[in-house]
Structures are given as structure tokens and as C-alpha cells.
Amino acid sequence: MTETGAHIRKMGVVESMRSGADMLCLWRICGNAACRRARACRGRVHLCGPRNYKLLPEGVRGFFELFLAAKQAGIAFDDFKAEVQGRPETKAYAAWRRTAGARLNNKKPA
């Protein structure tokens, strides 16, 4: 792989990690003030993402692990949503996002 190809691949991994961090609202527990102000990852996600992930409530981590497993298995998102509806992990994730003021399904928080 060329240096350019490796760089592009690395940037893809970083952007995937940043997307996951934002999905999990890791900015809420991040030590980087820029992330908290932006309410999104603005730092070195490959360093702080794994550290902050460990600080998430167990149910939120469980939901994300279910999400990643479904994605890896090629399960369509709508099928995944139907499968996990009502599970404790899904409720924990929804509560975490709600307390962060984040939107679920493009609906305004209650």
C-alpha cells in the first residue's frame, strides 16, 4: 500500500471512531473542553475514545457492542432496531442520549 493509501485508510478509521464517539456522546465525559463545547469529538479520538468508552454506563456500552456486532454481521439497520427494541441496553442508550440533549430518530428531546 502506498503512503497515500495508508494515510487514507487511517483517516477512514479515525473518522469511523469519531462517528462512534459522537453516536455515544463521549463528549459528555471527555476531558477536552473543545469536545464539550462542540458537543462532538474534536480531539484525538484514537487516544481518548477507548479511555472514555470505558467510562460509559454498562448498558450504553452493551448497546454499542450489539450495534457493532449487527453491523459486522451485515444486518440492516431497520432490522437491528426491531431486534433490540425494548432491550435494557437500548433503554440505557436512549436515556444516555436524552440526558445529553441528543436527538434520537430526528425527534427533539423530551
Protein backbone atom coordinates (compact mmCIF):
# COMPACT_ATOMS: atom_id res chain seq x y z
CA MET A 1 0.00 0.00 0.00
CA THR A 2 1.33 3.44 -0.83
CA GLU A 3 1.89 6.05 1.83
CA THR A 4 -1.10 7.96 0.47
CA GLY A 5 -3.24 4.81 0.55
CA ALA A 6 -2.21 4.08 4.13
CA HIS A 7 -2.99 7.65 5.14
CA ILE A 8 -6.45 7.48 3.52
CA ARG A 9 -7.15 4.17 5.27
CA LYS A 10 -6.01 5.58 8.63
CA MET A 11 -8.21 8.65 8.17
CA GLY A 12 -11.17 6.36 7.42
CA VAL A 13 -10.57 4.51 10.69
CA VAL A 14 -10.27 7.78 12.61
CA GLU A 15 -13.48 9.13 11.08
CA SER A 16 -15.28 5.88 11.93
CA MET A 17 -14.07 6.16 15.51
CA ARG A 18 -15.12 9.82 15.64
CA SER A 19 -18.57 8.89 14.33
CA GLY A 20 -18.89 6.23 17.03
CA ALA A 21 -17.73 8.68 19.70
CA ASP A 22 -20.34 11.18 18.58
CA MET A 23 -23.05 8.49 18.46
CA LEU A 24 -22.19 7.67 22.07
CA CYS A 25 -21.98 11.33 23.12
CA LEU A 26 -18.50 10.72 24.51
CA TRP A 27 -18.03 14.48 24.57
CA ARG A 28 -20.07 14.44 27.79
CA ILE A 29 -17.26 12.71 29.67
CA CYS A 30 -14.29 13.90 27.63
CA GLY A 31 -11.55 15.93 29.29
CA ASN A 32 -11.15 18.08 26.17
CA ALA A 33 -13.07 21.34 26.57
CA ALA A 34 -13.27 21.74 22.78
CA CYS A 35 -15.26 18.49 22.56
CA ARG A 36 -17.64 19.55 25.33
CA ARG A 37 -18.20 22.98 23.72
CA ALA A 38 -18.81 21.49 20.28
CA ARG A 39 -20.86 18.60 21.72
CA ALA A 40 -18.85 16.40 19.35
CA CYS A 41 -15.42 14.82 19.19
CA ARG A 42 -12.79 17.42 18.34
CA GLY A 43 -9.74 15.71 19.77
CA ARG A 44 -7.52 12.72 19.20
CA VAL A 45 -10.25 10.09 19.15
CA HIS A 46 -7.82 7.21 18.75
CA LEU A 47 -6.37 8.12 22.17
CA CYS A 48 -9.30 9.39 24.20
CA GLY A 49 -12.09 7.33 22.60
CA PRO A 50 -11.08 4.00 24.15
CA ARG A 51 -10.40 5.66 27.52
CA ASN A 52 -13.75 7.47 27.57
CA TYR A 53 -15.62 4.41 26.27
CA LYS A 54 -14.70 2.57 29.48
CA LEU A 55 -16.41 5.34 31.48
CA LEU A 56 -19.78 4.92 29.76
CA PRO A 57 -22.61 3.27 31.68
CA GLU A 58 -22.58 -0.51 31.17
CA GLY A 59 -25.90 -0.56 29.29
CA VAL A 60 -24.69 2.06 26.82
CA ARG A 61 -21.56 0.03 26.11
CA GLY A 62 -23.77 -3.04 25.71
CA PHE A 63 -25.95 -1.29 23.15
CA PHE A 64 -22.93 -0.15 21.15
CA GLU A 65 -21.47 -3.65 21.18
CA LEU A 66 -24.79 -5.02 19.87
CA PHE A 67 -24.75 -2.32 17.18
CA LEU A 68 -21.21 -3.18 16.10
CA ALA A 69 -21.96 -6.92 16.04
CA ALA A 70 -25.04 -6.32 13.88
CA LYS A 71 -23.04 -4.10 11.54
CA GLN A 72 -20.29 -6.72 11.28
CA ALA A 73 -22.90 -9.39 10.51
CA GLY A 74 -24.39 -7.23 7.76
CA ILE A 75 -27.76 -6.82 9.49
CA ALA A 76 -29.77 -3.92 8.07
CA PHE A 77 -30.21 -1.03 10.49
CA ASP A 78 -34.02 -1.27 10.48
CA ASP A 79 -33.77 -4.98 11.32
CA PHE A 80 -31.30 -4.18 14.09
CA LYS A 81 -33.65 -1.56 15.54
CA ALA A 82 -36.54 -4.02 15.54
CA GLU A 83 -34.37 -6.71 17.14
CA VAL A 84 -33.13 -4.56 20.04
CA GLN A 85 -36.33 -2.61 20.71
CA GLY A 86 -37.26 -2.86 24.38
CA ARG A 87 -33.96 -4.37 25.48
CA PRO A 88 -32.33 -2.91 28.62
CA GLU A 89 -29.29 -1.85 26.57
CA THR A 90 -31.49 0.09 24.16
CA LYS A 91 -33.27 1.82 27.03
CA ALA A 92 -29.92 2.70 28.61
CA TYR A 93 -28.64 4.14 25.33
CA ALA A 94 -31.81 6.17 24.75
CA ALA A 95 -31.66 7.56 28.30
CA TRP A 96 -27.97 8.47 27.86
CA ARG A 97 -28.69 10.31 24.61
CA ARG A 98 -31.75 12.01 26.11
CA THR A 99 -29.78 13.36 29.08
CA ALA A 100 -27.18 14.64 26.61
CA GLY A 101 -29.91 16.53 24.76
CA ALA A 102 -29.12 14.49 21.65
CA ARG A 103 -31.81 13.56 19.18
CA LEU A 104 -32.97 10.02 18.52
CA ASN A 105 -34.66 9.34 15.20
CA ASN A 106 -34.51 13.08 14.37
CA LYS A 107 -37.01 13.84 17.13
CA LYS A 108 -36.47 16.68 19.55
CA PRO A 109 -35.56 15.55 23.07
CA ALA A 110 -38.43 15.46 25.56
